Amino acid sequence: MSFELGFIVSFATAGLVSFCVVIVGSKPLSIFMRRIIQNETSRMFTKYVRYATYLVGISHGVGVHPIGFEIVTHFSEERNLDYQLLLMWIQMVIMHALTAIVYMYLAFFIFGLIAYISVKAREM
């Protein structure tokens, strides 16, 4: 397995993971944004967070990891494809992408709740 093929597999896997997260979290994100921002700007912010999900998920999933170099060098033209190592690599890509997306959403929701609380405090 060449480095290019490994990159393509990583990119496709991280993109698929990001797509699944965007699909699953689309409705709750829209509801959350409409409650914080009560005007048309909430749709723009929702689109931005979806874009950021793709960006963060793919960039961290495809990122260069030390174990990735070991796996790429293990897959050479002379050796047989070791499926356990390939599955471990795909699992690593999935875990890195999901971890980055979760941290991004955590930071987003913490700042969103702080903004919501500060707006409600000003209304009182």
PDB file of N, CA and C in Angstrom:
ATOM      1  N   MET A   1       0.848  -1.174   0.000  1.00  0.00           N
ATOM      2  CA  MET A   1       0.000   0.000   0.000  1.00  0.00           C
ATOM      3  C   MET A   1       0.889   1.231   0.000  1.00  0.00           C
ATOM      4  N   SER A   2       0.657   2.095  -0.932  1.00  0.00           N
ATOM      5  CA  SER A   2       1.487   3.280  -1.050  1.00  0.00           C
ATOM      6  C   SER A   2       0.983   4.378  -0.117  1.00  0.00           C
ATOM      7  N   PHE A   3       1.818   5.380   0.024  1.00  0.00           N
ATOM      8  CA  PHE A   3       1.450   6.503   0.873  1.00  0.00           C
ATOM      9  C   PHE A   3       0.232   7.221   0.305  1.00  0.00           C
ATOM     10  N   GLU A   4       0.150   7.336  -1.016  1.00  0.00           N
ATOM     11  CA  GLU A   4      -0.977   8.017  -1.648  1.00  0.00           C
ATOM     12  C   GLU A   4      -2.289   7.293  -1.373  1.00  0.00           C
ATOM     13  N   LEU A   5      -2.253   5.961  -1.486  1.00  0.00           N
ATOM     14  CA  LEU A   5      -3.456   5.190  -1.209  1.00  0.00           C
ATOM     15  C   LEU A   5      -3.844   5.305   0.262  1.00  0.00           C
ATOM     16  N   GLY A   6      -2.865   5.298   1.141  1.00  0.00           N
ATOM     17  CA  GLY A   6      -3.147   5.487   2.569  1.00  0.00           C
ATOM     18  C   GLY A   6      -3.772   6.833   2.850  1.00  0.00           C
ATOM     19  N   PHE A   7      -3.300   7.863   2.162  1.00  0.00           N
ATOM     20  CA  PHE A   7      -3.866   9.194   2.328  1.00  0.00           C
ATOM     21  C   PHE A   7      -5.313   9.236   1.842  1.00  0.00           C
ATOM     22  N   ILE A   8      -5.564   8.616   0.702  1.00  0.00           N
ATOM     23  CA  ILE A   8      -6.920   8.604   0.144  1.00  0.00           C
ATOM     24  C   ILE A   8      -7.877   7.850   1.071  1.00  0.00           C
ATOM     25  N   VAL A   9      -7.419   6.709   1.603  1.00  0.00           N
ATOM     26  CA  VAL A   9      -8.257   5.941   2.537  1.00  0.00           C
ATOM     27  C   VAL A   9      -8.522   6.756   3.800  1.00  0.00           C
ATOM     28  N   SER A  10      -7.497   7.430   4.319  1.00  0.00           N
ATOM     29  CA  SER A  10      -7.672   8.258   5.517  1.00  0.00           C
ATOM     30  C   SER A  10      -8.624   9.416   5.252  1.00  0.00           C
ATOM     31  N   PHE A  11      -8.455  10.072   4.120  1.00  0.00           N
ATOM     32  CA  PHE A  11      -9.300  11.214   3.780  1.00  0.00           C
ATOM     33  C   PHE A  11     -10.752  10.775   3.626  1.00  0.00           C
ATOM     34  N   ALA A  12     -10.971   9.674   2.925  1.00  0.00           N
ATOM     35  CA  ALA A  12     -12.339   9.184   2.720  1.00  0.00           C
ATOM     36  C   ALA A  12     -12.975   8.758   4.043  1.00  0.00           C
ATOM     37  N   THR A  13     -12.207   8.093   4.898  1.00  0.00           N
ATOM     38  CA  THR A  13     -12.740   7.653   6.185  1.00  0.00           C
ATOM     39  C   THR A  13     -13.085   8.849   7.071  1.00  0.00           C
ATOM     40  N   ALA A  14     -12.174   9.820   7.158  1.00  0.00           N
ATOM     41  CA  ALA A  14     -12.423  11.006   7.981  1.00  0.00           C
ATOM     42  C   ALA A  14     -13.587  11.824   7.417  1.00  0.00           C
ATOM     43  N   GLY A  15     -13.694  11.897   6.098  1.00  0.00           N
ATOM     44  CA  GLY A  15     -14.814  12.602   5.487  1.00  0.00           C
ATOM     45  C   GLY A  15     -16.140  11.923   5.776  1.00  0.00           C
ATOM     46  N   LEU A  16     -16.155  10.602   5.727  1.00  0.00           N
ATOM     47  CA  LEU A  16     -17.378   9.852   6.026  1.00  0.00           C
ATOM     48  C   LEU A  16     -17.783  10.021   7.487  1.00  0.00           C
ATOM     49  N   VAL A  17     -16.809   9.990   8.383  1.00  0.00           N
ATOM     50  CA  VAL A  17     -17.100  10.190   9.807  1.00  0.00           C
ATOM     51  C   VAL A  17     -17.677  11.586  10.028  1.00  0.00           C
ATOM     52  N   SER A  18     -17.071  12.587   9.417  1.00  0.00           N
ATOM     53  CA  SER A  18     -17.559  13.966   9.561  1.00  0.00           C
ATOM     54  C   SER A  18     -18.962  14.104   8.985  1.00  0.00           C
ATOM     55  N   PHE A  19     -19.212  13.472   7.849  1.00  0.00           N
ATOM     56  CA  PHE A  19     -20.538  13.511   7.233  1.00  0.00           C
ATOM     57  C   PHE A  19     -21.577  12.899   8.160  1.00  0.00           C
ATOM     58  N   CYS A  20     -21.262  11.762   8.764  1.00  0.00           N
ATOM     59  CA  CYS A  20     -22.207  11.108   9.678  1.00  0.00           C
ATOM     60  C   CYS A  20     -22.491  11.980  10.898  1.00  0.00           C
ATOM     61  N   VAL A  21     -21.462  12.633  11.430  1.00  0.00           N
ATOM     62  CA  VAL A  21     -21.664  13.508  12.587  1.00  0.00           C
ATOM     63  C   VAL A  21     -22.539  14.695  12.207  1.00  0.00           C
ATOM     64  N   VAL A  22     -22.315  15.272  11.019  1.00  0.00           N
ATOM     65  CA  VAL A  22     -23.127  16.408  10.576  1.00  0.00           C
ATOM     66  C   VAL A  22     -24.577  15.979  10.386  1.00  0.00           C
ATOM     67  N   ILE A  23     -24.808  14.821   9.806  1.00  0.00           N
ATOM     68  CA  ILE A  23     -26.173  14.343   9.592  1.00  0.00           C
ATOM     69  C   ILE A  23     -26.878  14.091  10.929  1.00  0.00           C
ATOM     70  N   VAL A  24     -26.197  13.419  11.851  1.00  0.00           N
ATOM     71  CA  VAL A  24     -26.816  13.088  13.138  1.00  0.00           C
ATOM     72  C   VAL A  24     -27.035  14.339  13.981  1.00  0.00           C
ATOM     73  N   GLY A  25     -26.089  15.279  13.955  1.00  0.00           N
ATOM     74  CA  GLY A  25     -26.188  16.443  14.821  1.00  0.00           C
ATOM     75  C   GLY A  25     -26.831  17.662  14.202  1.00  0.00           C
ATOM     76  N   SER A  26     -27.359  17.543  13.000  1.00  0.00           N
ATOM     77  CA  SER A  26     -27.898  18.693  12.293  1.00  0.00           C
ATOM     78  C   SER A  26     -29.117  19.293  12.994  1.00  0.00           C
ATOM     79  N   LYS A  27     -30.077  18.470  13.353  1.00  0.00           N
ATOM     80  CA  LYS A  27     -31.295  18.977  13.976  1.00  0.00           C
ATOM     81  C   LYS A  27     -31.036  19.533  15.381  1.00  0.00           C
ATOM     82  N   PRO A  28     -30.309  18.816  16.261  1.00  0.00           N
ATOM     83  CA  PRO A  28     -30.037  19.401  17.579  1.00  0.00           C
ATOM     84  C   PRO A  28     -29.229  20.700  17.500  1.00  0.00           C
ATOM     85  N   LEU A  29     -28.315  20.776  16.549  1.00  0.00           N
ATOM     86  CA  LEU A  29     -27.532  21.997  16.387  1.00  0.00           C
ATOM     87  C   LEU A  29     -28.424  23.163  15.957  1.00  0.00           C
ATOM     88  N   SER A  30     -29.337  22.907  15.041  1.00  0.00           N
ATOM     89  CA  SER A  30     -30.261  23.959  14.594  1.00  0.00           C
ATOM     90  C   SER A  30     -31.146  24.442  15.738  1.00  0.00           C
ATOM     91  N   ILE A  31     -31.639  23.515  16.537  1.00  0.00           N
ATOM     92  CA  ILE A  31     -32.486  23.884  17.676  1.00  0.00           C
ATOM     93  C   ILE A  31     -31.692  24.715  18.679  1.00  0.00           C
ATOM     94  N   PHE A  32     -30.472  24.282  18.974  1.00  0.00           N
ATOM     95  CA  PHE A  32     -29.620  25.008  19.916  1.00  0.00           C
ATOM     96  C   PHE A  32     -29.327  26.418  19.422  1.00  0.00           C
ATOM     97  N   MET A  33     -29.028  26.548  18.135  1.00  0.00           N
ATOM     98  CA  MET A  33     -28.704  27.861  17.583  1.00  0.00           C
ATOM     99  C   MET A  33     -29.929  28.776  17.570  1.00  0.00           C
ATOM    100  N   ARG A  34     -31.101  28.225  17.278  1.00  0.00           N
ATOM    101  CA  ARG A  34     -32.311  29.052  17.279  1.00  0.00           C
ATOM    102  C   ARG A  34     -32.658  29.548  18.672  1.00  0.00           C
ATOM    103  N   ARG A  35     -32.312  28.781  19.705  1.00  0.00           N
ATOM    104  CA  ARG A  35     -32.601  29.227  21.070  1.00  0.00           C
ATOM    105  C   ARG A  35     -31.625  30.303  21.527  1.00  0.00           C
ATOM    106  N   ILE A  36     -30.393  30.216  21.073  1.00  0.00           N
ATOM    107  CA  ILE A  36     -29.406  31.227  21.470  1.00  0.00           C
ATOM    108  C   ILE A  36     -29.581  32.500  20.658  1.00  0.00           C
ATOM    109  N   ILE A  37     -29.704  32.346  19.350  1.00  0.00           N
ATOM    110  CA  ILE A  37     -29.835  33.494  18.452  1.00  0.00           C
ATOM    111  C   ILE A  37     -31.237  33.446  17.863  1.00  0.00           C
ATOM    112  N   GLN A  38     -32.064  34.398  18.233  1.00  0.00           N
ATOM    113  CA  GLN A  38     -33.459  34.361  17.812  1.00  0.00           C
ATOM    114  C   GLN A  38     -33.726  35.118  16.516  1.00  0.00           C
ATOM    115  N   ASN A  39     -32.784  35.158  15.608  1.00  0.00           N
ATOM    116  CA  ASN A  39     -33.046  35.793  14.313  1.00  0.00           C
ATOM    117  C   ASN A  39     -32.444  34.931  13.202  1.00  0.00           C
ATOM    118  N   GLU A  40     -32.403  35.474  12.003  1.00  0.00           N
ATOM    119  CA  GLU A  40     -31.943  34.715  10.834  1.00  0.00           C
ATOM    120  C   GLU A  40     -30.454  34.388  10.873  1.00  0.00           C
ATOM    121  N   THR A  41     -29.721  35.030  11.745  1.00  0.00           N
ATOM    122  CA  THR A  41     -28.283  34.767  11.849  1.00  0.00           C
ATOM    123  C   THR A  41     -28.004  33.349  12.332  1.00  0.00           C
ATOM    124  N   SER A  42     -28.960  32.747  13.006  1.00  0.00           N
ATOM    125  CA  SER A  42     -28.740  31.397  13.528  1.00  0.00           C
ATOM    126  C   SER A  42     -28.487  30.393  12.405  1.00  0.00           C
ATOM    127  N   ARG A  43     -29.133  30.577  11.252  1.00  0.00           N
ATOM    128  CA  ARG A  43     -28.896  29.658  10.120  1.00  0.00           C
ATOM    129  C   ARG A  43     -27.469  29.781   9.601  1.00  0.00           C
ATOM    130  N   MET A  44     -26.959  31.012   9.571  1.00  0.00           N
ATOM    131  CA  MET A  44     -25.592  31.218   9.110  1.00  0.00           C
ATOM    132  C   MET A  44     -24.598  30.549  10.063  1.00  0.00           C
ATOM    133  N   PHE A  45     -24.821  30.711  11.361  1.00  0.00           N
ATOM    134  CA  PHE A  45     -23.929  30.086  12.328  1.00  0.00           C
ATOM    135  C   PHE A  45     -24.032  28.565  12.280  1.00  0.00           C
ATOM    136  N   THR A  46     -25.216  28.047  12.034  1.00  0.00           N
ATOM    137  CA  THR A  46     -25.377  26.595  11.912  1.00  0.00           C
ATOM    138  C   THR A  46     -24.598  26.067  10.715  1.00  0.00           C
ATOM    139  N   LYS A  47     -24.650  26.769   9.603  1.00  0.00           N
ATOM    140  CA  LYS A  47     -23.870  26.359   8.430  1.00  0.00           C
ATOM    141  C   LYS A  47     -22.376  26.427   8.712  1.00  0.00           C
ATOM    142  N   TYR A  48     -21.962  27.452   9.436  1.00  0.00           N
ATOM    143  CA  TYR A  48     -20.547  27.581   9.779  1.00  0.00           C
ATOM    144  C   TYR A  48     -20.085  26.433  10.666  1.00  0.00           C
ATOM    145  N   VAL A  49     -20.894  26.050  11.639  1.00  0.00           N
ATOM    146  CA  VAL A  49     -20.513  24.946  12.530  1.00  0.00           C
ATOM    147  C   VAL A  49     -20.470  23.634  11.755  1.00  0.00           C
ATOM    148  N   ARG A  50     -21.375  23.446  10.805  1.00  0.00           N
ATOM    149  CA  ARG A  50     -21.317  22.240   9.963  1.00  0.00           C
ATOM    150  C   ARG A  50     -20.025  22.217   9.145  1.00  0.00           C
ATOM    151  N   TYR A  51     -19.676  23.356   8.557  1.00  0.00           N
ATOM    152  CA  TYR A  51     -18.425  23.444   7.795  1.00  0.00           C
ATOM    153  C   TYR A  51     -17.226  23.191   8.701  1.00  0.00           C
ATOM    154  N   ALA A  52     -17.248  23.770   9.891  1.00  0.00           N
ATOM    155  CA  ALA A  52     -16.146  23.560  10.831  1.00  0.00           C
ATOM    156  C   ALA A  52     -16.048  22.097  11.251  1.00  0.00           C
ATOM    157  N   THR A  53     -17.177  21.412  11.319  1.00  0.00           N
ATOM    158  CA  THR A  53     -17.154  19.985  11.650  1.00  0.00           C
ATOM    159  C   THR A  53     -16.410  19.198  10.587  1.00  0.00           C
ATOM    160  N   TYR A  54     -16.712  19.483   9.320  1.00  0.00           N
ATOM    161  CA  TYR A  54     -15.968  18.821   8.242  1.00  0.00           C
ATOM    162  C   TYR A  54     -14.485  19.159   8.314  1.00  0.00           C
ATOM    163  N   LEU A  55     -14.192  20.423   8.496  1.00  0.00           N
ATOM    164  CA  LEU A  55     -12.800  20.872   8.505  1.00  0.00           C
ATOM    165  C   LEU A  55     -12.010  20.236   9.641  1.00  0.00           C
ATOM    166  N   VAL A  56     -12.554  20.271  10.837  1.00  0.00           N
ATOM    167  CA  VAL A  56     -11.855  19.717  11.995  1.00  0.00           C
ATOM    168  C   VAL A  56     -11.764  18.198  11.905  1.00  0.00           C
ATOM    169  N   GLY A  57     -12.846  17.542  11.528  1.00  0.00           N
ATOM    170  CA  GLY A  57     -12.838  16.080  11.445  1.00  0.00           C
ATOM    171  C   GLY A  57     -11.859  15.549  10.419  1.00  0.00           C
ATOM    172  N   ILE A  58     -11.851  16.157   9.246  1.00  0.00           N
ATOM    173  CA  ILE A  58     -10.940  15.684   8.198  1.00  0.00           C
ATOM    174  C   ILE A  58      -9.498  16.033   8.531  1.00  0.00           C
ATOM    175  N   SER A  59      -9.266  17.241   9.015  1.00  0.00           N
ATOM    176  CA  SER A  59      -7.873  17.632   9.276  1.00  0.00           C
ATOM    177  C   SER A  59      -7.244  16.806  10.395  1.00  0.00           C
ATOM    178  N   HIS A  60      -8.015  16.473  11.419  1.00  0.00           N
ATOM    179  CA  HIS A  60      -7.446  15.663  12.498  1.00  0.00           C
ATOM    180  C   HIS A  60      -7.458  14.180  12.168  1.00  0.00           C
ATOM    181  N   GLY A  61      -8.377  13.744  11.350  1.00  0.00           N
ATOM    182  CA  GLY A  61      -8.397  12.332  10.968  1.00  0.00           C
ATOM    183  C   GLY A  61      -7.287  11.971  10.011  1.00  0.00           C
ATOM    184  N   VAL A  62      -6.955  12.902   9.116  1.00  0.00           N
ATOM    185  CA  VAL A  62      -5.926  12.643   8.115  1.00  0.00           C
ATOM    186  C   VAL A  62      -4.554  13.072   8.621  1.00  0.00           C
ATOM    187  N   GLY A  63      -4.505  13.739   9.751  1.00  0.00           N
ATOM    188  CA  GLY A  63      -3.243  14.233  10.286  1.00  0.00           C
ATOM    189  C   GLY A  63      -2.170  13.154  10.324  1.00  0.00           C
ATOM    190  N   VAL A  64      -0.937  13.587  10.270  1.00  0.00           N
ATOM    191  CA  VAL A  64       0.191  12.656  10.256  1.00  0.00           C
ATOM    192  C   VAL A  64       0.448  12.201  11.689  1.00  0.00           C
ATOM    193  N   HIS A  65       0.268  10.919  11.916  1.00  0.00           N
ATOM    194  CA  HIS A  65       0.465  10.331  13.228  1.00  0.00           C
ATOM    195  C   HIS A  65       1.641   9.359  13.146  1.00  0.00           C
ATOM    196  N   PRO A  66       2.425   9.231  14.216  1.00  0.00           N
ATOM    197  CA  PRO A  66       3.583   8.321  14.174  1.00  0.00           C
ATOM    198  C   PRO A  66       3.212   6.895  13.819  1.00  0.00           C
ATOM    199  N   ILE A  67       2.086   6.415  14.338  1.00  0.00           N
ATOM    200  CA  ILE A  67       1.697   5.042  14.022  1.00  0.00           C
ATOM    201  C   ILE A  67       1.319   4.916  12.546  1.00  0.00           C
ATOM    202  N   GLY A  68       0.858   6.006  11.949  1.00  0.00           N
ATOM    203  CA  GLY A  68       0.524   5.981  10.535  1.00  0.00           C
ATOM    204  C   GLY A  68       1.741   5.704   9.662  1.00  0.00           C
ATOM    205  N   PHE A  69       2.879   6.279  10.035  1.00  0.00           N
ATOM    206  CA  PHE A  69       4.098   6.009   9.276  1.00  0.00           C
ATOM    207  C   PHE A  69       4.504   4.545   9.392  1.00  0.00           C
ATOM    208  N   GLU A  70       4.347   3.980  10.576  1.00  0.00           N
ATOM    209  CA  GLU A  70       4.674   2.567  10.747  1.00  0.00           C
ATOM    210  C   GLU A  70       3.768   1.688   9.898  1.00  0.00           C
ATOM    211  N   ILE A  71       2.510   2.040   9.840  1.00  0.00           N
ATOM    212  CA  ILE A  71       1.566   1.240   9.062  1.00  0.00           C
ATOM    213  C   ILE A  71       1.848   1.372   7.575  1.00  0.00           C
ATOM    214  N   VAL A  72       2.130   2.604   7.107  1.00  0.00           N
ATOM    215  CA  VAL A  72       2.404   2.807   5.686  1.00  0.00           C
ATOM    216  C   VAL A  72       3.673   2.070   5.278  1.00  0.00           C
ATOM    217  N   THR A  73       4.685   2.106   6.113  1.00  0.00           N
ATOM    218  CA  THR A  73       5.916   1.393   5.759  1.00  0.00           C
ATOM    219  C   THR A  73       5.711  -0.118   5.845  1.00  0.00           C
ATOM    220  N   HIS A  74       4.775  -0.550   6.682  1.00  0.00           N
ATOM    221  CA  HIS A  74       4.502  -1.988   6.768  1.00  0.00           C
ATOM    222  C   HIS A  74       3.836  -2.502   5.499  1.00  0.00           C
ATOM    223  N   PHE A  75       2.985  -1.672   4.907  1.00  0.00           N
ATOM    224  CA  PHE A  75       2.316  -2.066   3.670  1.00  0.00           C
ATOM    225  C   PHE A  75       3.232  -1.734   2.502  1.00  0.00           C
ATOM    226  N   SER A  76       3.954  -2.664   2.030  1.00  0.00           N
ATOM    227  CA  SER A  76       4.783  -2.428   0.853  1.00  0.00           C
ATOM    228  C   SER A  76       4.319  -3.355  -0.257  1.00  0.00           C
ATOM    229  N   GLU A  77       4.871  -3.170  -1.423  1.00  0.00           N
ATOM    230  CA  GLU A  77       4.454  -3.972  -2.581  1.00  0.00           C
ATOM    231  C   GLU A  77       4.830  -5.445  -2.409  1.00  0.00           C
ATOM    232  N   GLU A  78       5.889  -5.732  -1.661  1.00  0.00           N
ATOM    233  CA  GLU A  78       6.353  -7.120  -1.530  1.00  0.00           C
ATOM    234  C   GLU A  78       5.553  -7.915  -0.508  1.00  0.00           C
ATOM    235  N   ARG A  79       4.976  -7.259   0.463  1.00  0.00           N
ATOM    236  CA  ARG A  79       4.291  -7.962   1.545  1.00  0.00           C
ATOM    237  C   ARG A  79       2.813  -8.157   1.225  1.00  0.00           C
ATOM    238  N   ASN A  80       2.230  -9.118   1.896  1.00  0.00           N
ATOM    239  CA  ASN A  80       0.788  -9.305   1.807  1.00  0.00           C
ATOM    240  C   ASN A  80       0.103  -8.242   2.667  1.00  0.00           C
ATOM    241  N   LEU A  81      -1.096  -7.904   2.280  1.00  0.00           N
ATOM    242  CA  LEU A  81      -1.845  -6.906   3.022  1.00  0.00           C
ATOM    243  C   LEU A  81      -2.286  -7.489   4.360  1.00  0.00           C
ATOM    244  N   ASP A  82      -1.874  -6.870   5.425  1.00  0.00           N
ATOM    245  CA  ASP A  82      -2.258  -7.316   6.755  1.00  0.00           C
ATOM    246  C   ASP A  82      -3.520  -6.551   7.147  1.00  0.00           C
ATOM    247  N   TYR A  83      -4.650  -7.214   7.106  1.00  0.00           N
ATOM    248  CA  TYR A  83      -5.933  -6.553   7.327  1.00  0.00           C
ATOM    249  C   TYR A  83      -6.103  -6.055   8.753  1.00  0.00           C
ATOM    250  N   GLN A  84      -5.473  -6.713   9.695  1.00  0.00           N
ATOM    251  CA  GLN A  84      -5.574  -6.234  11.074  1.00  0.00           C
ATOM    252  C   GLN A  84      -4.912  -4.874  11.223  1.00  0.00           C
ATOM    253  N   LEU A  85      -3.770  -4.677  10.582  1.00  0.00           N
ATOM    254  CA  LEU A  85      -3.100  -3.387  10.635  1.00  0.00           C
ATOM    255  C   LEU A  85      -3.904  -2.328   9.894  1.00  0.00           C
ATOM    256  N   LEU A  86      -4.498  -2.700   8.772  1.00  0.00           N
ATOM    257  CA  LEU A  86      -5.322  -1.752   8.027  1.00  0.00           C
ATOM    258  C   LEU A  86      -6.549  -1.336   8.844  1.00  0.00           C
ATOM    259  N   LEU A  87      -7.188  -2.279   9.498  1.00  0.00           N
ATOM    260  CA  LEU A  87      -8.336  -1.955  10.341  1.00  0.00           C
ATOM    261  C   LEU A  87      -7.922  -1.100  11.534  1.00  0.00           C
ATOM    262  N   MET A  88      -6.739  -1.356  12.070  1.00  0.00           N
ATOM    263  CA  MET A  88      -6.247  -0.526  13.174  1.00  0.00           C
ATOM    264  C   MET A  88      -6.016   0.907  12.696  1.00  0.00           C
ATOM    265  N   TRP A  89      -5.514   1.059  11.479  1.00  0.00           N
ATOM    266  CA  TRP A  89      -5.282   2.383  10.922  1.00  0.00           C
ATOM    267  C   TRP A  89      -6.611   3.117  10.715  1.00  0.00           C
ATOM    268  N   ILE A  90      -7.595   2.421  10.168  1.00  0.00           N
ATOM    269  CA  ILE A  90      -8.906   3.041   9.952  1.00  0.00           C
ATOM    270  C   ILE A  90      -9.542   3.398  11.292  1.00  0.00           C
ATOM    271  N   GLN A  91      -9.399   2.539  12.278  1.00  0.00           N
ATOM    272  CA  GLN A  91      -9.919   2.840  13.611  1.00  0.00           C
ATOM    273  C   GLN A  91      -9.221   4.063  14.195  1.00  0.00           C
ATOM    274  N   MET A  92      -7.930   4.192  13.976  1.00  0.00           N
ATOM    275  CA  MET A  92      -7.187   5.348  14.461  1.00  0.00           C
ATOM    276  C   MET A  92      -7.691   6.633  13.798  1.00  0.00           C
ATOM    277  N   VAL A  93      -7.948   6.576  12.497  1.00  0.00           N
ATOM    278  CA  VAL A  93      -8.468   7.745  11.783  1.00  0.00           C
ATOM    279  C   VAL A  93      -9.837   8.128  12.334  1.00  0.00           C
ATOM    280  N   ILE A  94     -10.698   7.143  12.540  1.00  0.00           N
ATOM    281  CA  ILE A  94     -12.038   7.409  13.072  1.00  0.00           C
ATOM    282  C   ILE A  94     -11.954   8.025  14.460  1.00  0.00           C
ATOM    283  N   MET A  95     -11.128   7.466  15.317  1.00  0.00           N
ATOM    284  CA  MET A  95     -11.023   7.971  16.680  1.00  0.00           C
ATOM    285  C   MET A  95     -10.448   9.382  16.729  1.00  0.00           C
ATOM    286  N   HIS A  96      -9.444   9.673  15.914  1.00  0.00           N
ATOM    287  CA  HIS A  96      -8.877  11.024  15.896  1.00  0.00           C
ATOM    288  C   HIS A  96      -9.898  12.036  15.370  1.00  0.00           C
ATOM    289  N   ALA A  97     -10.637  11.674  14.340  1.00  0.00           N
ATOM    290  CA  ALA A  97     -11.637  12.583  13.790  1.00  0.00           C
ATOM    291  C   ALA A  97     -12.754  12.834  14.797  1.00  0.00           C
ATOM    292  N   LEU A  98     -13.267  11.771  15.413  1.00  0.00           N
ATOM    293  CA  LEU A  98     -14.345  11.936  16.387  1.00  0.00           C
ATOM    294  C   LEU A  98     -13.893  12.709  17.623  1.00  0.00           C
ATOM    295  N   THR A  99     -12.687  12.460  18.082  1.00  0.00           N
ATOM    296  CA  THR A  99     -12.172  13.178  19.247  1.00  0.00           C
ATOM    297  C   THR A  99     -12.083  14.674  18.969  1.00  0.00           C
ATOM    298  N   ALA A 100     -11.570  15.034  17.807  1.00  0.00           N
ATOM    299  CA  ALA A 100     -11.447  16.448  17.461  1.00  0.00           C
ATOM    300  C   ALA A 100     -12.820  17.104  17.330  1.00  0.00           C
ATOM    301  N   ILE A 101     -13.771  16.397  16.722  1.00  0.00           N
ATOM    302  CA  ILE A 101     -15.121  16.952  16.570  1.00  0.00           C
ATOM    303  C   ILE A 101     -15.789  17.124  17.934  1.00  0.00           C
ATOM    304  N   VAL A 102     -15.606  16.162  18.815  1.00  0.00           N
ATOM    305  CA  VAL A 102     -16.210  16.257  20.143  1.00  0.00           C
ATOM    306  C   VAL A 102     -15.641  17.448  20.911  1.00  0.00           C
ATOM    307  N   TYR A 103     -14.326  17.650  20.852  1.00  0.00           N
ATOM    308  CA  TYR A 103     -13.731  18.799  21.542  1.00  0.00           C
ATOM    309  C   TYR A 103     -14.218  20.115  20.935  1.00  0.00           C
ATOM    310  N   MET A 104     -14.382  20.157  19.617  1.00  0.00           N
ATOM    311  CA  MET A 104     -14.882  21.367  18.982  1.00  0.00           C
ATOM    312  C   MET A 104     -16.314  21.656  19.435  1.00  0.00           C
ATOM    313  N   TYR A 105     -17.167  20.628  19.428  1.00  0.00           N
ATOM    314  CA  TYR A 105     -18.552  20.815  19.873  1.00  0.00           C
ATOM    315  C   TYR A 105     -18.610  21.188  21.355  1.00  0.00           C
ATOM    316  N   LEU A 106     -17.758  20.596  22.157  1.00  0.00           N
ATOM    317  CA  LEU A 106     -17.734  20.921  23.583  1.00  0.00           C
ATOM    318  C   LEU A 106     -17.404  22.395  23.791  1.00  0.00           C
ATOM    319  N   ALA A 107     -16.374  22.875  23.116  1.00  0.00           N
ATOM    320  CA  ALA A 107     -16.014  24.295  23.234  1.00  0.00           C
ATOM    321  C   ALA A 107     -17.140  25.181  22.706  1.00  0.00           C
ATOM    322  N   PHE A 108     -17.736  24.789  21.595  1.00  0.00           N
ATOM    323  CA  PHE A 108     -18.823  25.573  21.017  1.00  0.00           C
ATOM    324  C   PHE A 108     -20.012  25.665  21.970  1.00  0.00           C
ATOM    325  N   PHE A 109     -20.409  24.557  22.554  1.00  0.00           N
ATOM    326  CA  PHE A 109     -21.569  24.564  23.435  1.00  0.00           C
ATOM    327  C   PHE A 109     -21.277  25.278  24.756  1.00  0.00           C
ATOM    328  N   ILE A 110     -20.052  25.183  25.254  1.00  0.00           N
ATOM    329  CA  ILE A 110     -19.709  25.920  26.473  1.00  0.00           C
ATOM    330  C   ILE A 110     -19.814  27.418  26.218  1.00  0.00           C
ATOM    331  N   PHE A 111     -19.222  27.897  25.112  1.00  0.00           N
ATOM    332  CA  PHE A 111     -19.318  29.321  24.798  1.00  0.00           C
ATOM    333  C   PHE A 111     -20.761  29.723  24.486  1.00  0.00           C
ATOM    334  N   GLY A 112     -21.509  28.840  23.862  1.00  0.00           N
ATOM    335  CA  GLY A 112     -22.920  29.126  23.588  1.00  0.00           C
ATOM    336  C   GLY A 112     -23.733  29.256  24.861  1.00  0.00           C
ATOM    337  N   LEU A 113     -23.492  28.383  25.821  1.00  0.00           N
ATOM    338  CA  LEU A 113     -24.218  28.478  27.091  1.00  0.00           C
ATOM    339  C   LEU A 113     -23.819  29.728  27.872  1.00  0.00           C
ATOM    340  N   ILE A 114     -22.536  30.085  27.825  1.00  0.00           N
ATOM    341  CA  ILE A 114     -22.106  31.321  28.480  1.00  0.00           C
ATOM    342  C   ILE A 114     -22.798  32.523  27.835  1.00  0.00           C
ATOM    343  N   ALA A 115     -22.879  32.530  26.509  1.00  0.00           N
ATOM    344  CA  ALA A 115     -23.564  33.626  25.815  1.00  0.00           C
ATOM    345  C   ALA A 115     -25.040  33.656  26.167  1.00  0.00           C
ATOM    346  N   TYR A 116     -25.672  32.510  26.236  1.00  0.00           N
ATOM    347  CA  TYR A 116     -27.093  32.431  26.576  1.00  0.00           C
ATOM    348  C   TYR A 116     -27.350  32.948  27.989  1.00  0.00           C
ATOM    349  N   ILE A 117     -26.501  32.540  28.923  1.00  0.00           N
ATOM    350  CA  ILE A 117     -26.656  32.982  30.314  1.00  0.00           C
ATOM    351  C   ILE A 117     -26.430  34.482  30.429  1.00  0.00           C
ATOM    352  N   SER A 118     -25.435  35.007  29.720  1.00  0.00           N
ATOM    353  CA  SER A 118     -25.177  36.450  29.799  1.00  0.00           C
ATOM    354  C   SER A 118     -26.320  37.271  29.182  1.00  0.00           C
ATOM    355  N   VAL A 119     -26.914  36.763  28.102  1.00  0.00           N
ATOM    356  CA  VAL A 119     -28.063  37.460  27.518  1.00  0.00           C
ATOM    357  C   VAL A 119     -29.246  37.421  28.463  1.00  0.00           C
ATOM    358  N   LYS A 120     -29.518  36.284  29.072  1.00  0.00           N
ATOM    359  CA  LYS A 120     -30.642  36.177  30.010  1.00  0.00           C
ATOM    360  C   LYS A 120     -30.407  37.040  31.247  1.00  0.00           C
ATOM    361  N   ALA A 121     -29.162  37.160  31.693  1.00  0.00           N
ATOM    362  CA  ALA A 121     -28.851  37.989  32.853  1.00  0.00           C
ATOM    363  C   ALA A 121     -29.091  39.469  32.548  1.00  0.00           C
ATOM    364  N   ARG A 122     -28.810  39.885  31.328  1.00  0.00           N
ATOM    365  CA  ARG A 122     -29.045  41.275  30.955  1.00  0.00           C
ATOM    366  C   ARG A 122     -30.537  41.595  30.839  1.00  0.00           C
ATOM    367  N   GLU A 123     -31.341  40.584  30.499  1.00  0.00           N
ATOM    368  CA  GLU A 123     -32.776  40.804  30.383  1.00  0.00           C
ATOM    369  C   GLU A 123     -33.440  40.993  31.738  1.00  0.00           C
ATOM    370  N   MET A 124     -32.829  40.486  32.779  1.00  0.00           N
ATOM    371  CA  MET A 124     -33.439  40.590  34.123  1.00  0.00           C
ATOM    372  C   MET A 124     -33.227  41.917  34.710  1.00  0.00           C
TER     373      MET A 124
END
